[in-house]
């Protein structure tokens, strides 16, 4: 099972707290000069486990490029909050 340890960040524009998940490429170190593309995902509590797991399988087989995955979701990961937030977060204001 995928371990999901996230980081809580608070938006300065709407005051809402979000949960971020970050997956770094195998062998990644903070001191390296290599640059990686970043894949941003929304609906993190649903999308991150799937995308991260598939990426790890393809990466282990050497079938995909190295990428940093950043998934953004709600601090409250209940289905009710997800439904409310999806409308608010995805609507133009």
Protein backbone atom coordinates (compact mmCIF):
# COMPACT_ATOMS: atom_id res chain seq x y z
CA UNK A 1 0.00 0.00 0.00
CA UNK A 2 1.16 3.52 -0.83
CA UNK A 3 2.22 5.62 2.15
CA UNK A 4 0.77 9.10 1.79
CA UNK A 5 2.64 11.64 3.87
CA UNK A 6 1.65 15.13 2.91
CA UNK A 7 2.43 18.72 3.68
CA UNK A 8 -0.22 21.21 4.77
CA UNK A 9 -0.05 24.65 3.14
CA UNK A 10 -2.44 27.54 3.64
CA UNK A 11 -3.51 29.62 0.67
CA UNK A 12 -2.99 33.35 1.08
CA UNK A 13 -5.70 34.08 -1.50
CA UNK A 14 -8.60 32.12 0.00
CA UNK A 15 -7.37 31.20 3.52
CA UNK A 16 -8.01 27.50 2.91
CA UNK A 17 -5.57 24.76 3.92
CA UNK A 18 -4.49 22.24 1.30
CA UNK A 19 -2.70 18.90 1.56
CA UNK A 20 0.22 18.50 -0.86
CA UNK A 21 1.86 15.22 -1.74
CA UNK A 22 5.23 15.14 -3.51
CA UNK A 23 6.86 12.18 -5.20
CA UNK A 24 10.50 12.58 -6.20
CA UNK A 25 12.32 10.44 -8.78
CA UNK A 26 14.29 7.44 -7.55
CA UNK A 27 17.81 8.54 -6.67
CA UNK A 28 16.83 12.22 -6.41
CA UNK A 29 19.00 14.35 -4.11
CA UNK A 30 18.58 18.01 -3.17
CA UNK A 31 22.12 18.79 -4.25
CA UNK A 32 21.91 17.53 -7.81
CA UNK A 33 21.78 19.90 -10.75
CA UNK A 34 19.45 17.77 -12.87
CA UNK A 35 16.09 19.28 -13.77
CA UNK A 36 12.88 17.28 -13.95
CA UNK A 37 9.46 17.98 -15.39
CA UNK A 38 6.71 18.38 -12.82
CA UNK A 39 3.32 16.72 -13.11
CA UNK A 40 0.65 18.53 -11.10
CA UNK A 41 -2.44 16.59 -10.02
CA UNK A 42 -5.66 17.85 -8.51
CA UNK A 43 -8.04 15.76 -6.36
CA UNK A 44 -4.98 14.36 -4.60
CA UNK A 45 -6.74 11.93 -2.30
CA UNK A 46 -8.01 10.08 -5.39
CA UNK A 47 -5.41 10.79 -8.07
CA UNK A 48 -2.11 10.61 -6.18
CA UNK A 49 -2.24 6.95 -5.11
CA UNK A 50 -3.06 5.84 -8.65
CA UNK A 51 -0.64 8.03 -10.58
CA UNK A 52 2.22 7.60 -8.13
CA UNK A 53 1.87 3.81 -8.12
CA UNK A 54 1.73 3.55 -11.91
CA UNK A 55 4.71 5.87 -12.24
CA UNK A 56 6.77 3.78 -9.80
CA UNK A 57 6.01 0.59 -11.74
CA UNK A 58 6.91 2.16 -15.09
CA UNK A 59 10.00 3.81 -13.62
CA UNK A 60 11.25 0.50 -12.18
CA UNK A 61 10.93 -1.04 -15.64
CA UNK A 62 12.70 1.93 -17.25
CA UNK A 63 9.64 2.66 -19.37
CA UNK A 64 9.03 6.29 -18.32
CA UNK A 65 11.04 9.46 -17.85
CA UNK A 66 11.94 10.73 -14.40
CA UNK A 67 9.34 13.22 -13.13
CA UNK A 68 8.38 15.02 -9.94
CA UNK A 69 4.73 14.52 -9.01
CA UNK A 70 2.93 17.17 -6.97
CA UNK A 71 -0.65 16.42 -5.95
CA UNK A 72 -2.95 19.03 -4.42
CA UNK A 73 -5.95 18.12 -2.28
CA UNK A 74 -7.98 19.20 0.71
CA UNK A 75 -6.69 19.03 4.25
CA UNK A 76 -10.07 17.47 5.08
CA UNK A 77 -10.22 14.44 2.79
CA UNK A 78 -13.83 13.45 3.40
CA UNK A 79 -16.03 12.85 0.36
CA UNK A 80 -18.38 15.64 1.47
CA UNK A 81 -15.55 18.19 1.64
CA UNK A 82 -14.15 16.96 -1.68
CA UNK A 83 -17.50 17.66 -3.37
CA UNK A 84 -17.75 21.14 -1.87
CA UNK A 85 -14.13 22.03 -2.60
CA UNK A 86 -14.19 20.72 -6.14
CA UNK A 87 -16.90 23.23 -7.05
CA UNK A 88 -15.18 26.11 -5.26
CA UNK A 89 -11.60 25.35 -6.31
CA UNK A 90 -12.40 24.67 -9.96
CA UNK A 91 -14.69 27.65 -10.49
CA UNK A 92 -13.45 30.95 -11.86
CA UNK A 93 -13.86 33.72 -9.30
